[in-house]
All heavy atoms as atom14 arrays in JSON, in Angstrom:
{
  "sequence": "QIKNICGAADGMVTIANNYDIDTDPVSAATAEM",
  "atom14_mask": [
    [1, 1, 1, 1, 1, 1, 1, 1, 1, 0, 0, 0, 0, 0],
    [1, 1, 1, 1, 1, 1, 1, 1, 0, 0, 0, 0, 0, 0],
    [1, 1, 1, 1, 1, 1, 1, 1, 1, 0, 0, 0, 0, 0],
    [1, 1, 1, 1, 1, 1, 1, 1, 0, 0, 0, 0, 0, 0],
    [1, 1, 1, 1, 1, 1, 1, 1, 0, 0, 0, 0, 0, 0],
    [1, 1, 1, 1, 1, 1, 0, 0, 0, 0, 0, 0, 0, 0],
    [1, 1, 1, 1, 0, 0, 0, 0, 0, 0, 0, 0, 0, 0],
    [1, 1, 1, 1, 1, 0, 0, 0, 0, 0, 0, 0, 0, 0],
    [1, 1, 1, 1, 1, 0, 0, 0, 0, 0, 0, 0, 0, 0],
    [1, 1, 1, 1, 1, 1, 1, 1, 0, 0, 0, 0, 0, 0],
    [1, 1, 1, 1, 0, 0, 0, 0, 0, 0, 0, 0, 0, 0],
    [1, 1, 1, 1, 1, 1, 1, 1, 0, 0, 0, 0, 0, 0],
    [1, 1, 1, 1, 1, 1, 1, 0, 0, 0, 0, 0, 0, 0],
    [1, 1, 1, 1, 1, 1, 1, 0, 0, 0, 0, 0, 0, 0],
    [1, 1, 1, 1, 1, 1, 1, 1, 0, 0, 0, 0, 0, 0],
    [1, 1, 1, 1, 1, 0, 0, 0, 0, 0, 0, 0, 0, 0],
    [1, 1, 1, 1, 1, 1, 1, 1, 0, 0, 0, 0, 0, 0],
    [1, 1, 1, 1, 1, 1, 1, 1, 0, 0, 0, 0, 0, 0],
    [1, 1, 1, 1, 1, 1, 1, 1, 1, 1, 1, 1, 0, 0],
    [1, 1, 1, 1, 1, 1, 1, 1, 0, 0, 0, 0, 0, 0],
    [1, 1, 1, 1, 1, 1, 1, 1, 0, 0, 0, 0, 0, 0],
    [1, 1, 1, 1, 1, 1, 1, 1, 0, 0, 0, 0, 0, 0],
    [1, 1, 1, 1, 1, 1, 1, 0, 0, 0, 0, 0, 0, 0],
    [1, 1, 1, 1, 1, 1, 1, 1, 0, 0, 0, 0, 0, 0],
    [1, 1, 1, 1, 1, 1, 1, 0, 0, 0, 0, 0, 0, 0],
    [1, 1, 1, 1, 1, 1, 1, 0, 0, 0, 0, 0, 0, 0],
    [1, 1, 1, 1, 1, 1, 0, 0, 0, 0, 0, 0, 0, 0],
    [1, 1, 1, 1, 1, 0, 0, 0, 0, 0, 0, 0, 0, 0],
    [1, 1, 1, 1, 1, 0, 0, 0, 0, 0, 0, 0, 0, 0],
    [1, 1, 1, 1, 1, 1, 1, 0, 0, 0, 0, 0, 0, 0],
    [1, 1, 1, 1, 1, 0, 0, 0, 0, 0, 0, 0, 0, 0],
    [1, 1, 1, 1, 1, 1, 1, 1, 1, 0, 0, 0, 0, 0],
    [1, 1, 1, 1, 1, 1, 1, 1, 0, 0, 0, 0, 0, 0]
  ],
  "atom14_positions": [
    [[-2.08, 24.09, 6.07], [-0.79, 24.07, 5.37], [0.25, 23.29, 6.16], [1.1, 22.6, 5.58], [-0.32, 25.5, 5.1], [-1.25, 26.28, 4.19], [-1.57, 25.52, 2.91], [-0.69, 25.14, 2.15], [-2.85, 25.27, 2.68], [0.0, 0.0, 0.0], [0.0, 0.0, 0.0], [0.0, 0.0, 0.0], [0.0, 0.0, 0.0], [0.0, 0.0, 0.0]],
    [[0.19, 23.35, 7.48], [1.1, 22.55, 8.3], [0.79, 21.07, 8.1], [1.71, 20.25, 8.01], [1.02, 22.97, 9.78], [1.62, 24.36, 9.96], [1.73, 21.95, 10.67], [1.46, 24.94, 11.35], [0.0, 0.0, 0.0], [0.0, 0.0, 0.0], [0.0, 0.0, 0.0], [0.0, 0.0, 0.0], [0.0, 0.0, 0.0], [0.0, 0.0, 0.0]],
    [[-0.48, 20.73, 7.99], [-0.86, 19.34, 7.71], [-0.3, 18.9, 6.36], [0.15, 17.76, 6.22], [-2.38, 19.18, 7.76], [-2.94, 19.25, 9.16], [-4.45, 19.17, 9.14], [-5.02, 19.37, 10.54], [-6.48, 19.39, 10.57], [0.0, 0.0, 0.0], [0.0, 0.0, 0.0], [0.0, 0.0, 0.0], [0.0, 0.0, 0.0], [0.0, 0.0, 0.0]],
    [[-0.33, 19.79, 5.37], [0.26, 19.48, 4.06], [1.76, 19.22, 4.19], [2.3, 18.3, 3.58], [0.02, 20.61, 3.06], [-1.43, 20.71, 2.64], [-2.22, 19.81, 2.84], [-1.78, 21.85, 2.07], [0.0, 0.0, 0.0], [0.0, 0.0, 0.0], [0.0, 0.0, 0.0], [0.0, 0.0, 0.0], [0.0, 0.0, 0.0], [0.0, 0.0, 0.0]],
    [[2.43, 20.03, 4.99], [3.88, 19.86, 5.21], [4.14, 18.52, 5.9], [5.06, 17.79, 5.52], [4.46, 21.04, 6.02], [4.44, 22.32, 5.16], [5.88, 20.73, 6.49], [4.8, 23.59, 5.92], [0.0, 0.0, 0.0], [0.0, 0.0, 0.0], [0.0, 0.0, 0.0], [0.0, 0.0, 0.0], [0.0, 0.0, 0.0], [0.0, 0.0, 0.0]],
    [[3.32, 18.19, 6.89], [3.49, 16.91, 7.58], [3.29, 15.74, 6.62], [4.04, 14.75, 6.67], [2.52, 16.8, 8.75], [2.93, 17.86, 10.16], [0.0, 0.0, 0.0], [0.0, 0.0, 0.0], [0.0, 0.0, 0.0], [0.0, 0.0, 0.0], [0.0, 0.0, 0.0], [0.0, 0.0, 0.0], [0.0, 0.0, 0.0], [0.0, 0.0, 0.0]],
    [[2.3, 15.84, 5.76], [2.07, 14.77, 4.77], [3.24, 14.62, 3.82], [3.67, 13.5, 3.51], [0.0, 0.0, 0.0], [0.0, 0.0, 0.0], [0.0, 0.0, 0.0], [0.0, 0.0, 0.0], [0.0, 0.0, 0.0], [0.0, 0.0, 0.0], [0.0, 0.0, 0.0], [0.0, 0.0, 0.0], [0.0, 0.0, 0.0], [0.0, 0.0, 0.0]],
    [[3.78, 15.74, 3.36], [4.94, 15.71, 2.47], [6.17, 15.17, 3.21], [6.96, 14.41, 2.65], [5.22, 17.1, 1.89], [0.0, 0.0, 0.0], [0.0, 0.0, 0.0], [0.0, 0.0, 0.0], [0.0, 0.0, 0.0], [0.0, 0.0, 0.0], [0.0, 0.0, 0.0], [0.0, 0.0, 0.0], [0.0, 0.0, 0.0], [0.0, 0.0, 0.0]],
    [[6.32, 15.55, 4.47], [7.44, 15.05, 5.27], [7.33, 13.53, 5.43], [8.34, 12.82, 5.32], [7.46, 15.73, 6.64], [0.0, 0.0, 0.0], [0.0, 0.0, 0.0], [0.0, 0.0, 0.0], [0.0, 0.0, 0.0], [0.0, 0.0, 0.0], [0.0, 0.0, 0.0], [0.0, 0.0, 0.0], [0.0, 0.0, 0.0], [0.0, 0.0, 0.0]],
    [[6.13, 13.04, 5.67], [5.92, 11.59, 5.77], [6.31, 10.9, 4.46], [6.91, 9.82, 4.46], [4.47, 11.26, 6.11], [4.1, 11.58, 7.55], [5.02, 11.7, 8.4], [2.88, 11.71, 7.84], [0.0, 0.0, 0.0], [0.0, 0.0, 0.0], [0.0, 0.0, 0.0], [0.0, 0.0, 0.0], [0.0, 0.0, 0.0], [0.0, 0.0, 0.0]],
    [[5.97, 11.53, 3.34], [6.35, 10.97, 2.04], [7.85, 10.93, 1.85], [8.41, 9.94, 1.34], [0.0, 0.0, 0.0], [0.0, 0.0, 0.0], [0.0, 0.0, 0.0], [0.0, 0.0, 0.0], [0.0, 0.0, 0.0], [0.0, 0.0, 0.0], [0.0, 0.0, 0.0], [0.0, 0.0, 0.0], [0.0, 0.0, 0.0], [0.0, 0.0, 0.0]],
    [[8.53, 11.99, 2.26], [9.99, 12.02, 2.17], [10.62, 10.95, 3.06], [11.61, 10.33, 2.68], [10.54, 13.4, 2.55], [10.39, 14.42, 1.48], [11.28, 15.92, 1.98], [10.89, 16.97, 0.61], [0.0, 0.0, 0.0], [0.0, 0.0, 0.0], [0.0, 0.0, 0.0], [0.0, 0.0, 0.0], [0.0, 0.0, 0.0], [0.0, 0.0, 0.0]],
    [[10.04, 10.75, 4.23], [10.54, 9.72, 5.13], [10.41, 8.34, 4.47], [11.33, 7.53, 4.54], [9.79, 9.77, 6.49], [10.01, 8.5, 7.3], [10.23, 11.0, 7.28], [0.0, 0.0, 0.0], [0.0, 0.0, 0.0], [0.0, 0.0, 0.0], [0.0, 0.0, 0.0], [0.0, 0.0, 0.0], [0.0, 0.0, 0.0], [0.0, 0.0, 0.0]],
    [[9.3, 8.1, 3.82], [9.1, 6.82, 3.14], [10.16, 6.61, 2.07], [10.75, 5.52, 1.96], [7.68, 6.77, 2.51], [6.71, 6.92, 3.55], [7.45, 5.46, 1.78], [0.0, 0.0, 0.0], [0.0, 0.0, 0.0], [0.0, 0.0, 0.0], [0.0, 0.0, 0.0], [0.0, 0.0, 0.0], [0.0, 0.0, 0.0], [0.0, 0.0, 0.0]],
    [[10.43, 7.64, 1.3], [11.47, 7.53, 0.25], [12.83, 7.32, 0.9], [13.6, 6.45, 0.49], [11.47, 8.79, -0.64], [10.19, 8.85, -1.48], [12.7, 8.81, -1.54], [9.99, 10.15, -2.22], [0.0, 0.0, 0.0], [0.0, 0.0, 0.0], [0.0, 0.0, 0.0], [0.0, 0.0, 0.0], [0.0, 0.0, 0.0], [0.0, 0.0, 0.0]],
    [[13.15, 8.11, 1.9], [14.46, 8.04, 2.55], [14.71, 6.67, 3.18], [15.85, 6.18, 3.18], [14.6, 9.14, 3.59], [0.0, 0.0, 0.0], [0.0, 0.0, 0.0], [0.0, 0.0, 0.0], [0.0, 0.0, 0.0], [0.0, 0.0, 0.0], [0.0, 0.0, 0.0], [0.0, 0.0, 0.0], [0.0, 0.0, 0.0], [0.0, 0.0, 0.0]],
    [[13.67, 6.05, 3.69], [13.82, 4.73, 4.29], [14.26, 3.68, 3.27], [14.88, 2.68, 3.64], [12.53, 4.3, 4.98], [12.3, 5.02, 6.29], [13.24, 5.49, 6.93], [11.05, 5.11, 6.7], [0.0, 0.0, 0.0], [0.0, 0.0, 0.0], [0.0, 0.0, 0.0], [0.0, 0.0, 0.0], [0.0, 0.0, 0.0], [0.0, 0.0, 0.0]],
    [[13.98, 3.9, 2.01], [14.42, 2.98, 0.95], [15.93, 3.08, 0.71], [16.5, 2.23, 0.05], [13.69, 3.26, -0.37], [12.21, 2.97, -0.28], [11.77, 2.13, 0.49], [11.43, 3.69, -1.07], [0.0, 0.0, 0.0], [0.0, 0.0, 0.0], [0.0, 0.0, 0.0], [0.0, 0.0, 0.0], [0.0, 0.0, 0.0], [0.0, 0.0, 0.0]],
    [[16.55, 4.14, 1.22], [17.97, 4.4, 0.94], [18.81, 4.48, 2.23], [19.89, 5.03, 2.23], [18.12, 5.69, 0.12], [17.4, 5.58, -1.21], [16.07, 5.98, -1.33], [18.03, 5.04, -2.32], [15.41, 5.87, -2.54], [17.37, 4.91, -3.53], [16.05, 5.32, -3.63], [15.38, 5.19, -4.83], [0.0, 0.0, 0.0], [0.0, 0.0, 0.0]],
    [[18.28, 3.95, 3.3], [18.99, 3.93, 4.59], [19.44, 5.32, 5.05], [20.55, 5.49, 5.55], [20.18, 2.97, 4.55], [19.74, 1.53, 4.39], [18.67, 1.18, 4.94], [20.45, 0.76, 3.71], [0.0, 0.0, 0.0], [0.0, 0.0, 0.0], [0.0, 0.0, 0.0], [0.0, 0.0, 0.0], [0.0, 0.0, 0.0], [0.0, 0.0, 0.0]],
    [[18.6, 6.31, 4.84], [18.86, 7.68, 5.29], [18.14, 7.86, 6.63], [16.98, 7.45, 6.78], [18.38, 8.72, 4.25], [19.17, 8.56, 2.95], [18.51, 10.13, 4.79], [18.65, 9.4, 1.79], [0.0, 0.0, 0.0], [0.0, 0.0, 0.0], [0.0, 0.0, 0.0], [0.0, 0.0, 0.0], [0.0, 0.0, 0.0], [0.0, 0.0, 0.0]],
    [[18.82, 8.45, 7.6], [18.23, 8.65, 8.93], [17.03, 9.58, 8.84], [17.14, 10.72, 8.39], [19.28, 9.23, 9.87], [18.73, 9.45, 11.28], [17.8, 8.73, 11.67], [19.26, 10.34, 11.98], [0.0, 0.0, 0.0], [0.0, 0.0, 0.0], [0.0, 0.0, 0.0], [0.0, 0.0, 0.0], [0.0, 0.0, 0.0], [0.0, 0.0, 0.0]],
    [[15.89, 9.08, 9.3], [14.65, 9.85, 9.25], [14.06, 10.11, 10.63], [13.0, 10.71, 10.75], [13.59, 9.1, 8.4], [13.34, 7.83, 9.01], [14.06, 8.93, 6.97], [0.0, 0.0, 0.0], [0.0, 0.0, 0.0], [0.0, 0.0, 0.0], [0.0, 0.0, 0.0], [0.0, 0.0, 0.0], [0.0, 0.0, 0.0], [0.0, 0.0, 0.0]],
    [[14.76, 9.68, 11.67], [14.21, 9.8, 13.03], [13.86, 11.25, 13.42], [12.78, 11.49, 13.98], [15.16, 9.19, 14.06], [15.2, 7.66, 13.97], [14.29, 7.07, 13.34], [16.15, 7.07, 14.51], [0.0, 0.0, 0.0], [0.0, 0.0, 0.0], [0.0, 0.0, 0.0], [0.0, 0.0, 0.0], [0.0, 0.0, 0.0], [0.0, 0.0, 0.0]],
    [[14.74, 12.23, 13.15], [14.39, 13.6, 13.55], [13.11, 14.11, 12.86], [12.28, 14.77, 13.5], [15.6, 14.43, 13.13], [16.74, 13.46, 13.06], [16.12, 12.16, 12.63], [0.0, 0.0, 0.0], [0.0, 0.0, 0.0], [0.0, 0.0, 0.0], [0.0, 0.0, 0.0], [0.0, 0.0, 0.0], [0.0, 0.0, 0.0], [0.0, 0.0, 0.0]],
    [[12.96, 13.8, 11.58], [11.78, 14.26, 10.86], [10.54, 13.52, 11.35], [9.47, 14.12, 11.56], [11.96, 14.1, 9.33], [10.67, 14.43, 8.59], [13.09, 14.98, 8.84], [0.0, 0.0, 0.0], [0.0, 0.0, 0.0], [0.0, 0.0, 0.0], [0.0, 0.0, 0.0], [0.0, 0.0, 0.0], [0.0, 0.0, 0.0], [0.0, 0.0, 0.0]],
    [[10.66, 12.22, 11.55], [9.51, 11.44, 12.04], [9.06, 11.93, 13.4], [7.85, 12.08, 13.65], [9.88, 9.95, 12.11], [10.12, 9.43, 10.83], [0.0, 0.0, 0.0], [0.0, 0.0, 0.0], [0.0, 0.0, 0.0], [0.0, 0.0, 0.0], [0.0, 0.0, 0.0], [0.0, 0.0, 0.0], [0.0, 0.0, 0.0], [0.0, 0.0, 0.0]],
    [[9.99, 12.2, 14.28], [9.66, 12.69, 15.62], [9.02, 14.07, 15.55], [7.99, 14.33, 16.21], [10.9, 12.73, 16.5], [0.0, 0.0, 0.0], [0.0, 0.0, 0.0], [0.0, 0.0, 0.0], [0.0, 0.0, 0.0], [0.0, 0.0, 0.0], [0.0, 0.0, 0.0], [0.0, 0.0, 0.0], [0.0, 0.0, 0.0], [0.0, 0.0, 0.0]],
    [[9.59, 14.96, 14.75], [9.05, 16.32, 14.63], [7.66, 16.31, 14.01], [6.77, 17.06, 14.43], [9.99, 17.2, 13.81], [0.0, 0.0, 0.0], [0.0, 0.0, 0.0], [0.0, 0.0, 0.0], [0.0, 0.0, 0.0], [0.0, 0.0, 0.0], [0.0, 0.0, 0.0], [0.0, 0.0, 0.0], [0.0, 0.0, 0.0], [0.0, 0.0, 0.0]],
    [[7.44, 15.44, 13.03], [6.14, 15.35, 12.38], [5.09, 14.81, 13.35], [3.98, 15.34, 13.43], [6.22, 14.45, 11.12], [7.2, 14.99, 10.25], [4.9, 14.4, 10.39], [0.0, 0.0, 0.0], [0.0, 0.0, 0.0], [0.0, 0.0, 0.0], [0.0, 0.0, 0.0], [0.0, 0.0, 0.0], [0.0, 0.0, 0.0], [0.0, 0.0, 0.0]],
    [[5.44, 13.77, 14.09], [4.49, 13.2, 15.06], [4.11, 14.22, 16.13], [2.93, 14.34, 16.49], [5.1, 11.95, 15.7], [0.0, 0.0, 0.0], [0.0, 0.0, 0.0], [0.0, 0.0, 0.0], [0.0, 0.0, 0.0], [0.0, 0.0, 0.0], [0.0, 0.0, 0.0], [0.0, 0.0, 0.0], [0.0, 0.0, 0.0], [0.0, 0.0, 0.0]],
    [[5.1, 14.95, 16.62], [4.82, 15.95, 17.65], [3.94, 17.07, 17.09], [3.02, 17.56, 17.76], [6.13, 16.53, 18.2], [5.93, 17.32, 19.46], [7.23, 17.69, 20.15], [8.32, 17.28, 19.7], [7.15, 18.41, 21.15], [0.0, 0.0, 0.0], [0.0, 0.0, 0.0], [0.0, 0.0, 0.0], [0.0, 0.0, 0.0], [0.0, 0.0, 0.0]],
    [[4.2, 17.47, 15.84], [3.39, 18.52, 15.22], [1.95, 18.06, 15.04], [1.01, 18.81, 15.34], [3.98, 18.92, 13.86], [3.13, 19.93, 13.13], [2.93, 21.49, 14.01], [4.48, 22.24, 13.62], [0.0, 0.0, 0.0], [0.0, 0.0, 0.0], [0.0, 0.0, 0.0], [0.0, 0.0, 0.0], [0.0, 0.0, 0.0], [0.0, 0.0, 0.0]]
  ]
}
């Protein structure tokens, strides 16, 4: 389930990057997880 959350977080980061929304905290937390 944590892997599912990480996958969904990666998807949100991809969407957010299209709108210049800061995604660094989520990207870092996902990579560490």
